[in-house]
Every structure is written in C-alpha cells, then in structure tokens.
Amino acid sequence: MQGVRWFVRDPTLHCRRRSSTGLMENVFLDLRLDIFWEHPDNRGWAMLFTMWAKSSKFRGAWDKVHHTFGIPFEYFCGARLGLPVDDHARRV
C-alpha cells in the first residue's frame, strides 16, 4: 500500500516524540495555558515551551505527531508557539 504511513520505523524515537508533546498537552490542560499563559506562575512553562518550539528537532517531531493531539492544544501551539497546525475542516 503505497502512501500509507501508519507504521513506526523506530518505536523508541516515536515514544520520545510523543512523551514530550504529551507532557506539553497535559500541562496545557492542567494549567489552562490558553487562558493563563501570561500568569507569572506559568513563566517557567512558557519559557520551556517556547525554547522547545524553537528547536529544529522538536519541530520535526511536532510535524510527525501533532495530529494525535486535541484540536484546542494544537491551536494553542500554533498561536503561542508558531508551530504548524492541521486544516481541521478535513480532520473532522
């Protein structure tokens, strides 16, 4: 089946990609960063997420796994971190 990319060549690498972005999504949901991004108590998370988003390795990982996360988190990453997002009209 040409064009099917559902398999993972390196499961360890896929797990690392998924775990770092999974941590980000959990923090996003728990701290409601879409609303409280600029709160002083969230400064450390904001700095860490911004630093990760500027990394070429993280951006490459994001390209491979971002479609597995919730749409609000994906929009947040697009708006706050400048990461690419899907056209969600096609995902629904």
PDB file of N, CA and C in Angstrom:
ATOM      1  N   MET A   1       0.842  -1.181   0.000  1.00  0.00           N
ATOM      2  CA  MET A   1       0.000   0.000   0.000  1.00  0.00           C
ATOM      3  C   MET A   1       0.881   1.234   0.000  1.00  0.00           C
ATOM      4  N   GLN A   2       1.023   1.805  -1.122  1.00  0.00           N
ATOM      5  CA  GLN A   2       1.868   2.972  -1.257  1.00  0.00           C
ATOM      6  C   GLN A   2       1.194   4.192  -0.633  1.00  0.00           C
ATOM      7  N   GLY A   3       1.966   4.984   0.073  1.00  0.00           N
ATOM      8  CA  GLY A   3       1.440   6.203   0.662  1.00  0.00           C
ATOM      9  C   GLY A   3       0.918   6.034   2.083  1.00  0.00           C
ATOM     10  N   VAL A   4       0.785   4.810   2.574  1.00  0.00           N
ATOM     11  CA  VAL A   4       0.307   4.596   3.940  1.00  0.00           C
ATOM     12  C   VAL A   4       1.486   4.739   4.882  1.00  0.00           C
ATOM     13  N   ARG A   5       1.360   5.638   5.868  1.00  0.00           N
ATOM     14  CA  ARG A   5       2.458   5.894   6.795  1.00  0.00           C
ATOM     15  C   ARG A   5       2.029   5.655   8.231  1.00  0.00           C
ATOM     16  N   TRP A   6       1.245   4.662   8.505  1.00  0.00           N
ATOM     17  CA  TRP A   6       0.773   4.426   9.866  1.00  0.00           C
ATOM     18  C   TRP A   6       1.779   3.656  10.703  1.00  0.00           C
ATOM     19  N   PHE A   7       2.765   3.026  10.083  1.00  0.00           N
ATOM     20  CA  PHE A   7       3.736   2.249  10.834  1.00  0.00           C
ATOM     21  C   PHE A   7       4.825   3.160  11.375  1.00  0.00           C
ATOM     22  N   VAL A   8       5.516   2.677  12.391  1.00  0.00           N
ATOM     23  CA  VAL A   8       6.591   3.430  13.029  1.00  0.00           C
ATOM     24  C   VAL A   8       7.883   2.651  12.846  1.00  0.00           C
ATOM     25  N   ARG A   9       8.877   3.275  12.209  1.00  0.00           N
ATOM     26  CA  ARG A   9      10.156   2.595  11.969  1.00  0.00           C
ATOM     27  C   ARG A   9      10.985   2.478  13.243  1.00  0.00           C
ATOM     28  N   ASP A  10      10.939   3.488  14.079  1.00  0.00           N
ATOM     29  CA  ASP A  10      11.720   3.492  15.314  1.00  0.00           C
ATOM     30  C   ASP A  10      10.777   3.761  16.482  1.00  0.00           C
ATOM     31  N   PRO A  11      10.261   2.714  17.135  1.00  0.00           N
ATOM     32  CA  PRO A  11       9.286   2.911  18.205  1.00  0.00           C
ATOM     33  C   PRO A  11       9.828   3.726  19.371  1.00  0.00           C
ATOM     34  N   THR A  12      11.119   3.610  19.680  1.00  0.00           N
ATOM     35  CA  THR A  12      11.696   4.379  20.783  1.00  0.00           C
ATOM     36  C   THR A  12      11.658   5.867  20.477  1.00  0.00           C
ATOM     37  N   LEU A  13      12.048   6.230  19.277  1.00  0.00           N
ATOM     38  CA  LEU A  13      12.021   7.635  18.883  1.00  0.00           C
ATOM     39  C   LEU A  13      10.583   8.163  18.887  1.00  0.00           C
ATOM     40  N   HIS A  14       9.654   7.380  18.395  1.00  0.00           N
ATOM     41  CA  HIS A  14       8.247   7.796  18.383  1.00  0.00           C
ATOM     42  C   HIS A  14       7.748   8.028  19.808  1.00  0.00           C
ATOM     43  N   CYS A  15       8.128   7.158  20.739  1.00  0.00           N
ATOM     44  CA  CYS A  15       7.703   7.318  22.141  1.00  0.00           C
ATOM     45  C   CYS A  15       8.276   8.586  22.756  1.00  0.00           C
ATOM     46  N   ARG A  16       9.537   8.896  22.437  1.00  0.00           N
ATOM     47  CA  ARG A  16      10.134  10.135  22.959  1.00  0.00           C
ATOM     48  C   ARG A  16       9.430  11.361  22.393  1.00  0.00           C
ATOM     49  N   ARG A  17       9.139  11.334  21.090  1.00  0.00           N
ATOM     50  CA  ARG A  17       8.420  12.453  20.479  1.00  0.00           C
ATOM     51  C   ARG A  17       7.066  12.634  21.146  1.00  0.00           C
ATOM     52  N   ARG A  18       6.381  11.535  21.318  1.00  0.00           N
ATOM     53  CA  ARG A  18       5.022  11.578  21.857  1.00  0.00           C
ATOM     54  C   ARG A  18       5.026  11.975  23.326  1.00  0.00           C
ATOM     55  N   SER A  19       6.040  11.557  24.081  1.00  0.00           N
ATOM     56  CA  SER A  19       6.043  11.861  25.508  1.00  0.00           C
ATOM     57  C   SER A  19       6.326  13.336  25.786  1.00  0.00           C
ATOM     58  N   SER A  20       7.218  13.963  25.029  1.00  0.00           N
ATOM     59  CA  SER A  20       7.492  15.389  25.279  1.00  0.00           C
ATOM     60  C   SER A  20       6.291  16.242  24.899  1.00  0.00           C
ATOM     61  N   THR A  21       5.667  15.953  23.780  1.00  0.00           N
ATOM     62  CA  THR A  21       4.482  16.731  23.396  1.00  0.00           C
ATOM     63  C   THR A  21       3.293  16.343  24.268  1.00  0.00           C
ATOM     64  N   GLY A  22       3.259  15.105  24.749  1.00  0.00           N
ATOM     65  CA  GLY A  22       2.205  14.693  25.681  1.00  0.00           C
ATOM     66  C   GLY A  22       2.312  15.448  26.996  1.00  0.00           C
ATOM     67  N   LEU A  23       3.544  15.644  27.475  1.00  0.00           N
ATOM     68  CA  LEU A  23       3.756  16.447  28.682  1.00  0.00           C
ATOM     69  C   LEU A  23       3.233  17.859  28.451  1.00  0.00           C
ATOM     70  N   MET A  24       3.560  18.420  27.294  1.00  0.00           N
ATOM     71  CA  MET A  24       3.094  19.775  26.979  1.00  0.00           C
ATOM     72  C   MET A  24       1.569  19.848  27.004  1.00  0.00           C
ATOM     73  N   GLU A  25       0.912  18.864  26.404  1.00  0.00           N
ATOM     74  CA  GLU A  25      -0.552  18.898  26.379  1.00  0.00           C
ATOM     75  C   GLU A  25      -1.126  18.762  27.784  1.00  0.00           C
ATOM     76  N   ASN A  26      -0.540  17.901  28.613  1.00  0.00           N
ATOM     77  CA  ASN A  26      -1.026  17.755  29.985  1.00  0.00           C
ATOM     78  C   ASN A  26      -0.882  19.051  30.774  1.00  0.00           C
ATOM     79  N   VAL A  27       0.261  19.712  30.629  1.00  0.00           N
ATOM     80  CA  VAL A  27       0.470  20.994  31.310  1.00  0.00           C
ATOM     81  C   VAL A  27      -0.518  22.031  30.771  1.00  0.00           C
ATOM     82  N   PHE A  28      -0.689  22.071  29.455  1.00  0.00           N
ATOM     83  CA  PHE A  28      -1.642  22.981  28.828  1.00  0.00           C
ATOM     84  C   PHE A  28      -3.041  22.802  29.427  1.00  0.00           C
ATOM     85  N   LEU A  29      -3.481  21.561  29.556  1.00  0.00           N
ATOM     86  CA  LEU A  29      -4.818  21.293  30.086  1.00  0.00           C
ATOM     87  C   LEU A  29      -4.918  21.583  31.582  1.00  0.00           C
ATOM     88  N   ASP A  30      -3.914  21.128  32.357  1.00  0.00           N
ATOM     89  CA  ASP A  30      -3.964  21.299  33.811  1.00  0.00           C
ATOM     90  C   ASP A  30      -3.886  22.761  34.237  1.00  0.00           C
ATOM     91  N   LEU A  31      -3.043  23.525  33.559  1.00  0.00           N
ATOM     92  CA  LEU A  31      -2.842  24.927  33.952  1.00  0.00           C
ATOM     93  C   LEU A  31      -3.693  25.900  33.138  1.00  0.00           C
ATOM     94  N   ARG A  32      -4.460  25.368  32.196  1.00  0.00           N
ATOM     95  CA  ARG A  32      -5.319  26.177  31.322  1.00  0.00           C
ATOM     96  C   ARG A  32      -4.498  27.305  30.685  1.00  0.00           C
ATOM     97  N   LEU A  33      -3.421  26.885  30.035  1.00  0.00           N
ATOM     98  CA  LEU A  33      -2.494  27.852  29.467  1.00  0.00           C
ATOM     99  C   LEU A  33      -3.096  28.682  28.341  1.00  0.00           C
ATOM    100  N   ASP A  34      -4.185  28.215  27.746  1.00  0.00           N
ATOM    101  CA  ASP A  34      -4.847  29.046  26.741  1.00  0.00           C
ATOM    102  C   ASP A  34      -5.394  30.317  27.361  1.00  0.00           C
ATOM    103  N   ILE A  35      -5.693  30.279  28.658  1.00  0.00           N
ATOM    104  CA  ILE A  35      -6.217  31.447  29.369  1.00  0.00           C
ATOM    105  C   ILE A  35      -5.132  32.107  30.221  1.00  0.00           C
ATOM    106  N   PHE A  36      -4.292  31.296  30.873  1.00  0.00           N
ATOM    107  CA  PHE A  36      -3.345  31.803  31.858  1.00  0.00           C
ATOM    108  C   PHE A  36      -1.890  31.757  31.397  1.00  0.00           C
ATOM    109  N   TRP A  37      -1.655  31.828  30.093  1.00  0.00           N
ATOM    110  CA  TRP A  37      -0.298  31.780  29.543  1.00  0.00           C
ATOM    111  C   TRP A  37       0.611  32.835  30.161  1.00  0.00           C
ATOM    112  N   GLU A  38       0.108  34.036  30.364  1.00  0.00           N
ATOM    113  CA  GLU A  38       0.940  35.145  30.845  1.00  0.00           C
ATOM    114  C   GLU A  38       0.955  35.286  32.363  1.00  0.00           C
ATOM    115  N   HIS A  39       0.325  34.366  33.073  1.00  0.00           N
ATOM    116  CA  HIS A  39       0.344  34.421  34.537  1.00  0.00           C
ATOM    117  C   HIS A  39       1.775  34.188  35.018  1.00  0.00           C
ATOM    118  N   PRO A  40       2.228  34.960  35.996  1.00  0.00           N
ATOM    119  CA  PRO A  40       3.614  34.835  36.469  1.00  0.00           C
ATOM    120  C   PRO A  40       3.984  33.427  36.945  1.00  0.00           C
ATOM    121  N   ASP A  41       3.041  32.692  37.516  1.00  0.00           N
ATOM    122  CA  ASP A  41       3.335  31.343  37.987  1.00  0.00           C
ATOM    123  C   ASP A  41       3.624  30.369  36.846  1.00  0.00           C
ATOM    124  N   ASN A  42       3.231  30.721  35.633  1.00  0.00           N
ATOM    125  CA  ASN A  42       3.441  29.849  34.476  1.00  0.00           C
ATOM    126  C   ASN A  42       4.647  30.254  33.629  1.00  0.00           C
ATOM    127  N   ARG A  43       5.415  31.204  34.124  1.00  0.00           N
ATOM    128  CA  ARG A  43       6.549  31.720  33.364  1.00  0.00           C
ATOM    129  C   ARG A  43       7.539  30.630  32.977  1.00  0.00           C
ATOM    130  N   GLY A  44       7.850  29.739  33.900  1.00  0.00           N
ATOM    131  CA  GLY A  44       8.806  28.670  33.612  1.00  0.00           C
ATOM    132  C   GLY A  44       8.316  27.758  32.495  1.00  0.00           C
ATOM    133  N   TRP A  45       7.029  27.387  32.540  1.00  0.00           N
ATOM    134  CA  TRP A  45       6.466  26.554  31.474  1.00  0.00           C
ATOM    135  C   TRP A  45       6.475  27.299  30.147  1.00  0.00           C
ATOM    136  N   ALA A  46       6.119  28.568  30.185  1.00  0.00           N
ATOM    137  CA  ALA A  46       6.095  29.359  28.950  1.00  0.00           C
ATOM    138  C   ALA A  46       7.492  29.431  28.327  1.00  0.00           C
ATOM    139  N   MET A  47       8.497  29.641  29.165  1.00  0.00           N
ATOM    140  CA  MET A  47       9.869  29.711  28.656  1.00  0.00           C
ATOM    141  C   MET A  47      10.318  28.360  28.099  1.00  0.00           C
ATOM    142  N   LEU A  48       9.993  27.272  28.799  1.00  0.00           N
ATOM    143  CA  LEU A  48      10.378  25.940  28.341  1.00  0.00           C
ATOM    144  C   LEU A  48       9.691  25.591  27.018  1.00  0.00           C
ATOM    145  N   PHE A  49       8.383  25.834  26.934  1.00  0.00           N
ATOM    146  CA  PHE A  49       7.654  25.526  25.703  1.00  0.00           C
ATOM    147  C   PHE A  49       8.178  26.357  24.533  1.00  0.00           C
ATOM    148  N   THR A  50       8.475  27.616  24.782  1.00  0.00           N
ATOM    149  CA  THR A  50       8.996  28.486  23.731  1.00  0.00           C
ATOM    150  C   THR A  50      10.370  28.013  23.265  1.00  0.00           C
ATOM    151  N   MET A  51      11.195  27.607  24.216  1.00  0.00           N
ATOM    152  CA  MET A  51      12.518  27.096  23.865  1.00  0.00           C
ATOM    153  C   MET A  51      12.399  25.812  23.034  1.00  0.00           C
ATOM    154  N   TRP A  52      11.523  24.897  23.457  1.00  0.00           N
ATOM    155  CA  TRP A  52      11.326  23.661  22.699  1.00  0.00           C
ATOM    156  C   TRP A  52      10.814  23.957  21.298  1.00  0.00           C
ATOM    157  N   ALA A  53       9.871  24.882  21.186  1.00  0.00           N
ATOM    158  CA  ALA A  53       9.257  25.181  19.889  1.00  0.00           C
ATOM    159  C   ALA A  53      10.254  25.773  18.895  1.00  0.00           C
ATOM    160  N   LYS A  54      11.330  26.362  19.390  1.00  0.00           N
ATOM    161  CA  LYS A  54      12.359  26.917  18.512  1.00  0.00           C
ATOM    162  C   LYS A  54      13.375  25.869  18.059  1.00  0.00           C
ATOM    163  N   SER A  55      13.354  24.716  18.689  1.00  0.00           N
ATOM    164  CA  SER A  55      14.297  23.652  18.366  1.00  0.00           C
ATOM    165  C   SER A  55      13.898  22.950  17.073  1.00  0.00           C
ATOM    166  N   SER A  56      14.848  22.762  16.180  1.00  0.00           N
ATOM    167  CA  SER A  56      14.546  22.079  14.918  1.00  0.00           C
ATOM    168  C   SER A  56      14.172  20.617  15.160  1.00  0.00           C
ATOM    169  N   LYS A  57      14.780  19.980  16.157  1.00  0.00           N
ATOM    170  CA  LYS A  57      14.415  18.589  16.464  1.00  0.00           C
ATOM    171  C   LYS A  57      12.981  18.503  16.978  1.00  0.00           C
ATOM    172  N   PHE A  58      12.607  19.427  17.838  1.00  0.00           N
ATOM    173  CA  PHE A  58      11.231  19.410  18.348  1.00  0.00           C
ATOM    174  C   PHE A  58      10.240  19.682  17.222  1.00  0.00           C
ATOM    175  N   ARG A  59      10.554  20.657  16.372  1.00  0.00           N
ATOM    176  CA  ARG A  59       9.649  20.977  15.258  1.00  0.00           C
ATOM    177  C   ARG A  59       9.487  19.779  14.313  1.00  0.00           C
ATOM    178  N   GLY A  60      10.571  19.042  14.105  1.00  0.00           N
ATOM    179  CA  GLY A  60      10.473  17.837  13.286  1.00  0.00           C
ATOM    180  C   GLY A  60       9.589  16.787  13.937  1.00  0.00           C
ATOM    181  N   ALA A  61       9.737  16.643  15.253  1.00  0.00           N
ATOM    182  CA  ALA A  61       8.886  15.697  15.984  1.00  0.00           C
ATOM    183  C   ALA A  61       7.434  16.154  15.944  1.00  0.00           C
ATOM    184  N   TRP A  62       7.201  17.453  16.128  1.00  0.00           N
ATOM    185  CA  TRP A  62       5.845  18.006  16.098  1.00  0.00           C
ATOM    186  C   TRP A  62       5.168  17.691  14.765  1.00  0.00           C
ATOM    187  N   ASP A  63       5.894  17.838  13.690  1.00  0.00           N
ATOM    188  CA  ASP A  63       5.342  17.549  12.364  1.00  0.00           C
ATOM    189  C   ASP A  63       4.848  16.112  12.249  1.00  0.00           C
ATOM    190  N   LYS A  64       5.485  15.220  12.984  1.00  0.00           N
ATOM    191  CA  LYS A  64       5.127  13.809  12.892  1.00  0.00           C
ATOM    192  C   LYS A  64       4.007  13.393  13.843  1.00  0.00           C
ATOM    193  N   VAL A  65       3.825  14.100  14.964  1.00  0.00           N
ATOM    194  CA  VAL A  65       2.851  13.633  15.961  1.00  0.00           C
ATOM    195  C   VAL A  65       1.737  14.620  16.305  1.00  0.00           C
ATOM    196  N   HIS A  66       1.780  15.852  15.803  1.00  0.00           N
ATOM    197  CA  HIS A  66       0.806  16.844  16.261  1.00  0.00           C
ATOM    198  C   HIS A  66      -0.637  16.466  15.937  1.00  0.00           C
ATOM    199  N   HIS A  67      -0.834  15.656  14.937  1.00  0.00           N
ATOM    200  CA  HIS A  67      -2.195  15.254  14.565  1.00  0.00           C
ATOM    201  C   HIS A  67      -2.832  14.307  15.582  1.00  0.00           C
ATOM    202  N   THR A  68      -2.057  13.824  16.556  1.00  0.00           N
ATOM    203  CA  THR A  68      -2.596  12.909  17.564  1.00  0.00           C
ATOM    204  C   THR A  68      -3.114  13.639  18.801  1.00  0.00           C
ATOM    205  N   PHE A  69      -3.010  14.957  18.823  1.00  0.00           N
ATOM    206  CA  PHE A  69      -3.432  15.737  19.988  1.00  0.00           C
ATOM    207  C   PHE A  69      -4.762  16.426  19.737  1.00  0.00           C
ATOM    208  N   GLY A  70      -5.346  16.918  20.812  1.00  0.00           N
ATOM    209  CA  GLY A  70      -6.615  17.620  20.709  1.00  0.00           C
ATOM    210  C   GLY A  70      -6.481  18.921  19.937  1.00  0.00           C
ATOM    211  N   ILE A  71      -7.554  19.295  19.291  1.00  0.00           N
ATOM    212  CA  ILE A  71      -7.558  20.497  18.463  1.00  0.00           C
ATOM    213  C   ILE A  71      -7.272  21.763  19.278  1.00  0.00           C
ATOM    214  N   PRO A  72      -7.847  21.937  20.483  1.00  0.00           N
ATOM    215  CA  PRO A  72      -7.513  23.151  21.249  1.00  0.00           C
ATOM    216  C   PRO A  72      -6.020  23.270  21.557  1.00  0.00           C
ATOM    217  N   PHE A  73      -5.377  22.158  21.884  1.00  0.00           N
ATOM    218  CA  PHE A  73      -3.931  22.185  22.149  1.00  0.00           C
ATOM    219  C   PHE A  73      -3.159  22.522  20.882  1.00  0.00           C
ATOM    220  N   GLU A  74      -3.586  21.952  19.777  1.00  0.00           N
ATOM    221  CA  GLU A  74      -2.904  22.227  18.514  1.00  0.00           C
ATOM    222  C   GLU A  74      -3.039  23.710  18.141  1.00  0.00           C
ATOM    223  N   TYR A  75      -4.228  24.276  18.310  1.00  0.00           N
ATOM    224  CA  TYR A  75      -4.423  25.710  18.050  1.00  0.00           C
ATOM    225  C   TYR A  75      -3.549  26.562  18.964  1.00  0.00           C
ATOM    226  N   PHE A  76      -3.482  26.183  20.233  1.00  0.00           N
ATOM    227  CA  PHE A  76      -2.646  26.895  21.187  1.00  0.00           C
ATOM    228  C   PHE A  76      -1.190  26.907  20.733  1.00  0.00           C
ATOM    229  N   CYS A  77      -0.691  25.739  20.314  1.00  0.00           N
ATOM    230  CA  CYS A  77       0.702  25.646  19.863  1.00  0.00           C
ATOM    231  C   CYS A  77       0.937  26.468  18.598  1.00  0.00           C
ATOM    232  N   GLY A  78      -0.068  26.551  17.759  1.00  0.00           N
ATOM    233  CA  GLY A  78       0.051  27.376  16.575  1.00  0.00           C
ATOM    234  C   GLY A  78       0.074  28.854  16.925  1.00  0.00           C
ATOM    235  N   ALA A  79      -0.831  29.256  17.801  1.00  0.00           N
ATOM    236  CA  ALA A  79      -0.952  30.677  18.148  1.00  0.00           C
ATOM    237  C   ALA A  79       0.186  31.171  19.036  1.00  0.00           C
ATOM    238  N   ARG A  80       0.532  30.413  20.066  1.00  0.00           N
ATOM    239  CA  ARG A  80       1.524  30.873  21.041  1.00  0.00           C
ATOM    240  C   ARG A  80       2.960  30.511  20.676  1.00  0.00           C
ATOM    241  N   LEU A  81       3.122  29.375  19.992  1.00  0.00           N
ATOM    242  CA  LEU A  81       4.476  28.875  19.751  1.00  0.00           C
ATOM    243  C   LEU A  81       4.884  28.885  18.291  1.00  0.00           C
ATOM    244  N   GLY A  82       3.953  29.245  17.415  1.00  0.00           N
ATOM    245  CA  GLY A  82       4.266  29.325  15.996  1.00  0.00           C
ATOM    246  C   GLY A  82       4.462  27.980  15.320  1.00  0.00           C
ATOM    247  N   LEU A  83       3.910  26.925  15.913  1.00  0.00           N
ATOM    248  CA  LEU A  83       4.030  25.593  15.319  1.00  0.00           C
ATOM    249  C   LEU A  83       2.943  25.400  14.265  1.00  0.00           C
ATOM    250  N   PRO A  84       3.230  24.623  13.223  1.00  0.00           N
ATOM    251  CA  PRO A  84       2.222  24.401  12.181  1.00  0.00           C
ATOM    252  C   PRO A  84       1.058  23.564  12.713  1.00  0.00           C
ATOM    253  N   VAL A  85      -0.127  23.842  12.204  1.00  0.00           N
ATOM    254  CA  VAL A  85      -1.325  23.092  12.605  1.00  0.00           C
ATOM    255  C   VAL A  85      -2.037  22.564  11.375  1.00  0.00           C
ATOM    256  N   ASP A  86      -2.886  21.569  11.586  1.00  0.00           N
ATOM    257  CA  ASP A  86      -3.666  20.984  10.506  1.00  0.00           C
ATOM    258  C   ASP A  86      -4.832  21.873  10.096  1.00  0.00           C
ATOM    259  N   ASP A  87      -5.341  21.612   8.928  1.00  0.00           N
ATOM    260  CA  ASP A  87      -6.607  22.189   8.493  1.00  0.00           C
ATOM    261  C   ASP A  87      -7.677  21.277   9.081  1.00  0.00           C
ATOM    262  N   HIS A  88      -8.308  21.706  10.178  1.00  0.00           N
ATOM    263  CA  HIS A  88      -9.197  20.827  10.925  1.00  0.00           C
ATOM    264  C   HIS A  88     -10.519  20.549  10.233  1.00  0.00           C
ATOM    265  N   ALA A  89     -10.837  21.303   9.239  1.00  0.00           N
ATOM    266  CA  ALA A  89     -12.056  21.008   8.495  1.00  0.00           C
ATOM    267  C   ALA A  89     -11.940  19.636   7.841  1.00  0.00           C
ATOM    268  N   ARG A  90     -10.733  19.232   7.514  1.00  0.00           N
ATOM    269  CA  ARG A  90     -10.514  17.915   6.904  1.00  0.00           C
ATOM    270  C   ARG A  90     -10.420  16.817   7.926  1.00  0.00           C
ATOM    271  N   ARG A  91     -10.083  17.136   9.181  1.00  0.00           N
ATOM    272  CA  ARG A  91      -9.909  16.119  10.212  1.00  0.00           C
ATOM    273  C   ARG A  91     -11.220  15.639  10.784  1.00  0.00           C
ATOM    274  N   VAL A  92     -12.227  16.462  10.751  1.00  0.00           N
ATOM    275  CA  VAL A  92     -13.488  16.135  11.429  1.00  0.00           C
ATOM    276  C   VAL A  92     -14.256  15.098  10.674  1.00  0.00           C
TER     277      VAL A  92
END
